[in-house]
N, C-alpha and C. Protein backbone atom coordinates (compact mmCIF):
# COMPACT_ATOMS: atom_id res chain seq x y z
N UNK A 1 50.31 89.16 199.41
CA UNK A 1 50.43 90.11 200.49
C UNK A 1 49.13 90.91 200.59
N UNK A 2 48.59 91.03 201.77
CA UNK A 2 47.33 91.72 202.02
C UNK A 2 47.55 93.24 202.05
N UNK A 3 46.51 94.02 201.79
CA UNK A 3 46.64 95.49 201.85
C UNK A 3 47.07 96.00 203.22
N UNK A 4 46.63 95.29 204.27
CA UNK A 4 47.03 95.71 205.63
C UNK A 4 48.54 95.54 205.81
N UNK A 5 49.10 94.45 205.25
CA UNK A 5 50.54 94.24 205.34
C UNK A 5 51.30 95.32 204.59
N UNK A 6 50.80 95.67 203.42
CA UNK A 6 51.45 96.73 202.64
C UNK A 6 51.37 98.07 203.37
N UNK A 7 50.21 98.35 203.97
CA UNK A 7 50.06 99.60 204.71
C UNK A 7 51.03 99.64 205.88
N UNK A 8 51.22 98.50 206.56
CA UNK A 8 52.15 98.45 207.68
C UNK A 8 53.59 98.68 207.21
N UNK A 9 53.96 98.08 206.08
CA UNK A 9 55.33 98.25 205.56
C UNK A 9 55.58 99.71 205.21
N UNK A 10 54.62 100.33 204.54
CA UNK A 10 54.82 101.71 204.12
C UNK A 10 54.71 102.69 205.28
N UNK A 11 53.90 102.37 206.28
CA UNK A 11 53.71 103.32 207.39
C UNK A 11 54.90 103.34 208.35
N UNK A 12 55.68 102.26 208.44
CA UNK A 12 56.80 102.28 209.38
C UNK A 12 58.07 102.88 208.76
N UNK A 13 58.02 103.26 207.49
CA UNK A 13 59.13 103.97 206.87
C UNK A 13 60.26 103.08 206.39
N UNK A 14 60.06 101.76 206.39
CA UNK A 14 61.16 100.90 205.97
C UNK A 14 61.42 100.98 204.46
N UNK A 15 60.38 101.17 203.65
CA UNK A 15 60.58 101.24 202.20
C UNK A 15 60.46 102.66 201.69
N UNK A 16 59.55 103.43 202.22
CA UNK A 16 59.39 104.84 201.83
C UNK A 16 58.66 105.56 202.95
N UNK A 17 58.81 106.84 202.98
CA UNK A 17 58.18 107.59 204.07
C UNK A 17 56.72 107.90 203.80
N UNK A 18 56.26 107.70 202.56
CA UNK A 18 54.86 107.99 202.24
C UNK A 18 53.97 106.80 202.59
N UNK A 19 52.79 107.05 203.13
CA UNK A 19 51.87 105.94 203.43
C UNK A 19 51.29 105.35 202.15
N UNK A 20 50.88 104.12 202.26
CA UNK A 20 50.27 103.43 201.13
C UNK A 20 48.89 104.00 200.86
N UNK A 21 48.64 104.37 199.63
CA UNK A 21 47.34 104.89 199.27
C UNK A 21 46.96 104.38 197.88
N UNK A 22 46.00 103.46 197.81
CA UNK A 22 45.60 102.98 196.49
C UNK A 22 44.95 104.07 195.65
N UNK A 23 44.32 105.06 196.29
CA UNK A 23 43.71 106.14 195.53
C UNK A 23 44.77 107.00 194.85
N UNK A 24 45.85 107.28 195.56
CA UNK A 24 46.92 108.07 194.97
C UNK A 24 47.53 107.33 193.79
N UNK A 25 47.69 106.03 193.91
CA UNK A 25 48.24 105.25 192.81
C UNK A 25 47.29 105.26 191.62
N UNK A 26 46.01 105.19 191.88
CA UNK A 26 45.02 105.20 190.80
C UNK A 26 45.00 106.52 190.06
N UNK A 27 45.11 107.63 190.78
CA UNK A 27 45.12 108.92 190.09
C UNK A 27 46.38 109.09 189.27
N UNK A 28 47.49 108.56 189.75
CA UNK A 28 48.73 108.65 188.97
C UNK A 28 48.59 107.87 187.67
N UNK A 29 47.98 106.69 187.75
CA UNK A 29 47.81 105.88 186.54
C UNK A 29 46.87 106.55 185.56
N UNK A 30 45.81 107.18 186.05
CA UNK A 30 44.88 107.82 185.13
C UNK A 30 45.51 109.04 184.47
N UNK A 31 46.35 109.78 185.20
CA UNK A 31 47.03 110.92 184.59
C UNK A 31 48.05 110.47 183.56
N UNK A 32 48.71 109.37 183.82
CA UNK A 32 49.71 108.87 182.88
C UNK A 32 49.06 108.40 181.59
N UNK A 33 47.90 107.77 181.68
CA UNK A 33 47.25 107.28 180.48
C UNK A 33 46.65 108.40 179.65
N UNK A 34 46.36 109.56 180.24
CA UNK A 34 45.79 110.65 179.47
C UNK A 34 46.83 111.35 178.62
N UNK A 35 48.11 111.08 178.83
CA UNK A 35 49.17 111.70 178.05
C UNK A 35 49.57 110.88 176.83
N UNK A 36 48.98 109.72 176.66
CA UNK A 36 49.35 108.88 175.53
C UNK A 36 48.79 109.47 174.23
N UNK A 37 49.53 109.32 173.12
CA UNK A 37 49.03 109.84 171.84
C UNK A 37 47.87 109.00 171.32
N UNK A 38 47.09 109.60 170.46
CA UNK A 38 45.95 108.92 169.86
C UNK A 38 46.25 108.64 168.39
N UNK A 39 45.93 107.45 167.94
CA UNK A 39 46.16 107.08 166.55
C UNK A 39 44.88 107.29 165.76
N UNK A 40 45.01 107.94 164.61
CA UNK A 40 43.89 108.16 163.70
C UNK A 40 44.10 107.25 162.50
N UNK A 41 43.05 106.56 162.09
CA UNK A 41 43.16 105.59 161.00
C UNK A 41 42.79 106.18 159.64
N UNK A 42 41.91 107.18 159.60
CA UNK A 42 41.40 107.71 158.34
C UNK A 42 41.95 109.11 158.06
N UNK A 43 42.23 109.38 156.78
CA UNK A 43 42.75 110.69 156.38
C UNK A 43 41.72 111.78 156.65
N UNK A 44 40.46 111.48 156.39
CA UNK A 44 39.39 112.46 156.60
C UNK A 44 39.31 112.87 158.07
N UNK A 45 39.42 111.91 158.97
CA UNK A 45 39.39 112.22 160.40
C UNK A 45 40.59 113.06 160.81
N UNK A 46 41.75 112.79 160.21
CA UNK A 46 42.94 113.58 160.51
C UNK A 46 42.77 115.03 160.06
N UNK A 47 42.20 115.22 158.86
CA UNK A 47 41.99 116.59 158.38
C UNK A 47 41.00 117.34 159.26
N UNK A 48 39.96 116.67 159.71
CA UNK A 48 39.01 117.31 160.63
C UNK A 48 39.69 117.68 161.94
N UNK A 49 40.56 116.83 162.43
CA UNK A 49 41.30 117.12 163.66
C UNK A 49 42.25 118.29 163.45
N UNK A 50 42.91 118.34 162.31
CA UNK A 50 43.85 119.43 162.02
C UNK A 50 43.13 120.77 161.86
N UNK A 51 41.87 120.75 161.50
CA UNK A 51 41.09 121.99 161.35
C UNK A 51 40.46 122.46 162.65
N UNK A 52 40.61 121.68 163.70
CA UNK A 52 40.03 122.08 164.98
C UNK A 52 40.66 123.36 165.48
N UNK A 53 39.95 124.04 166.37
CA UNK A 53 40.42 125.32 166.91
C UNK A 53 41.65 125.15 167.79
N UNK A 54 41.74 124.03 168.50
CA UNK A 54 42.85 123.82 169.44
C UNK A 54 44.07 123.17 168.80
N UNK A 55 44.05 122.93 167.48
CA UNK A 55 45.22 122.35 166.80
C UNK A 55 46.30 123.41 166.69
N UNK A 56 47.50 123.09 167.18
CA UNK A 56 48.58 124.07 167.23
C UNK A 56 49.57 123.90 166.09
N UNK A 57 50.01 122.67 165.83
CA UNK A 57 51.04 122.46 164.82
C UNK A 57 50.96 121.04 164.28
N UNK A 58 51.62 120.84 163.13
CA UNK A 58 51.71 119.53 162.51
C UNK A 58 53.18 119.23 162.27
N UNK A 59 53.60 118.02 162.63
CA UNK A 59 54.95 117.55 162.34
C UNK A 59 54.82 116.40 161.35
N UNK A 60 55.66 116.44 160.32
CA UNK A 60 55.65 115.39 159.30
C UNK A 60 56.97 114.64 159.38
N UNK A 61 56.88 113.35 159.70
CA UNK A 61 58.06 112.51 159.85
C UNK A 61 58.10 111.52 158.70
N UNK A 62 59.12 111.65 157.84
CA UNK A 62 59.25 110.76 156.69
C UNK A 62 60.22 109.63 157.01
N UNK A 63 59.74 108.41 156.90
CA UNK A 63 60.55 107.22 157.09
C UNK A 63 60.72 106.50 155.75
N UNK A 64 61.45 105.42 155.75
CA UNK A 64 61.66 104.66 154.52
C UNK A 64 60.36 104.02 154.04
N UNK A 65 59.58 103.51 154.96
CA UNK A 65 58.37 102.76 154.60
C UNK A 65 57.08 103.56 154.69
N UNK A 66 57.07 104.64 155.48
CA UNK A 66 55.83 105.37 155.69
C UNK A 66 56.10 106.84 155.99
N UNK A 67 55.03 107.60 156.07
CA UNK A 67 55.08 109.01 156.47
C UNK A 67 54.11 109.17 157.62
N UNK A 68 54.58 109.79 158.71
CA UNK A 68 53.73 110.00 159.88
C UNK A 68 53.38 111.48 159.98
N UNK A 69 52.10 111.75 160.14
CA UNK A 69 51.61 113.09 160.37
C UNK A 69 51.16 113.17 161.82
N UNK A 70 51.69 114.16 162.54
CA UNK A 70 51.37 114.30 163.96
C UNK A 70 50.83 115.70 164.20
N UNK A 71 49.59 115.79 164.64
CA UNK A 71 49.00 117.09 164.93
C UNK A 71 48.88 117.24 166.44
N UNK A 72 49.37 118.35 166.97
CA UNK A 72 49.34 118.64 168.40
C UNK A 72 48.09 119.47 168.69
N UNK A 73 47.20 118.88 169.48
CA UNK A 73 46.04 119.61 169.97
C UNK A 73 46.25 119.88 171.45
N UNK A 74 45.26 120.49 172.09
CA UNK A 74 45.46 120.92 173.48
C UNK A 74 45.66 119.75 174.43
N UNK A 75 45.00 118.64 174.19
CA UNK A 75 45.10 117.52 175.13
C UNK A 75 45.94 116.36 174.61
N UNK A 76 45.78 116.02 173.33
CA UNK A 76 46.44 114.84 172.79
C UNK A 76 47.30 115.19 171.58
N UNK A 77 48.22 114.30 171.28
CA UNK A 77 48.96 114.31 170.03
C UNK A 77 48.34 113.23 169.16
N UNK A 78 47.75 113.63 168.04
CA UNK A 78 47.09 112.70 167.15
C UNK A 78 48.04 112.32 166.02
N UNK A 79 48.12 111.02 165.71
CA UNK A 79 49.07 110.52 164.72
C UNK A 79 48.35 109.74 163.63
N UNK A 80 48.74 110.02 162.39
CA UNK A 80 48.25 109.28 161.22
C UNK A 80 49.46 108.73 160.48
N UNK A 81 49.44 107.45 160.16
CA UNK A 81 50.54 106.81 159.43
C UNK A 81 50.05 106.45 158.04
N UNK A 82 50.79 106.93 157.01
CA UNK A 82 50.43 106.68 155.61
C UNK A 82 51.60 105.98 154.94
N UNK A 83 51.31 104.88 154.24
CA UNK A 83 52.37 104.15 153.55
C UNK A 83 52.54 104.59 152.10
N UNK A 84 51.54 105.25 151.53
CA UNK A 84 51.60 105.70 150.14
C UNK A 84 52.17 107.12 150.09
N UNK A 85 53.31 107.29 149.40
CA UNK A 85 53.99 108.59 149.34
C UNK A 85 53.17 109.65 148.60
N UNK A 86 52.43 109.24 147.56
CA UNK A 86 51.62 110.20 146.81
C UNK A 86 50.47 110.73 147.66
N UNK A 87 49.83 109.85 148.41
CA UNK A 87 48.76 110.29 149.31
C UNK A 87 49.31 111.23 150.38
N UNK A 88 50.53 110.95 150.84
CA UNK A 88 51.15 111.81 151.85
C UNK A 88 51.38 113.21 151.30
N UNK A 89 51.82 113.32 150.04
CA UNK A 89 52.03 114.64 149.43
C UNK A 89 50.71 115.38 149.28
N UNK A 90 49.65 114.68 148.86
CA UNK A 90 48.34 115.31 148.73
C UNK A 90 47.83 115.80 150.08
N UNK A 91 48.04 114.98 151.11
CA UNK A 91 47.61 115.38 152.45
C UNK A 91 48.39 116.60 152.93
N UNK A 92 49.66 116.64 152.64
CA UNK A 92 50.49 117.78 153.03
C UNK A 92 49.98 119.07 152.38
N UNK A 93 49.56 118.97 151.11
CA UNK A 93 49.04 120.15 150.40
C UNK A 93 47.68 120.58 150.94
N UNK A 94 46.92 119.65 151.50
CA UNK A 94 45.57 119.98 151.95
C UNK A 94 45.48 120.34 153.43
N UNK A 95 46.62 120.49 154.10
CA UNK A 95 46.59 120.93 155.50
C UNK A 95 46.15 122.38 155.59
N UNK A 96 45.52 122.78 156.68
CA UNK A 96 45.07 124.18 156.82
C UNK A 96 46.25 125.15 156.73
N UNK A 97 46.08 126.29 156.03
CA UNK A 97 47.20 127.21 155.82
C UNK A 97 47.70 127.90 157.09
N UNK A 98 46.85 128.10 158.08
CA UNK A 98 47.27 128.80 159.30
C UNK A 98 48.03 127.93 160.28
N UNK A 99 48.13 126.65 160.00
CA UNK A 99 48.75 125.70 160.92
C UNK A 99 50.26 125.63 160.68
N UNK A 100 51.04 125.67 161.75
CA UNK A 100 52.50 125.57 161.64
C UNK A 100 52.88 124.15 161.26
N UNK A 101 53.62 124.00 160.16
CA UNK A 101 54.03 122.69 159.67
C UNK A 101 55.54 122.58 159.79
N UNK A 102 55.99 121.51 160.43
CA UNK A 102 57.43 121.26 160.59
C UNK A 102 57.73 119.88 160.04
N UNK A 103 58.70 119.82 159.13
CA UNK A 103 59.09 118.53 158.56
C UNK A 103 60.31 117.99 159.29
N UNK A 104 60.22 116.76 159.74
CA UNK A 104 61.33 116.08 160.39
C UNK A 104 61.96 115.12 159.40
N UNK A 105 63.24 114.80 159.62
CA UNK A 105 63.90 113.90 158.66
C UNK A 105 63.55 112.46 158.85
């Protein structure tokens, strides 16, 4: 189907009252992708992110196989997954003291 055909379908109101706009669709997609969380692979990078000025809180999610650390910054939610329980405890102790820490089950 050509763009002109799509514009005609949308402009006559048969499917929706809004006109077809590829630019509007593109901005929606770019806004949606900016809300996705970011995965951090290294513990050192996670600690640097947790020490940032815009870091608000840390959530610790303990699963059977791993422990997930999630730090909320102003734009993204950064996630670190650790499979070693001892490393997870050490990381928990080394989080910045002013940061709100919430443990999830």
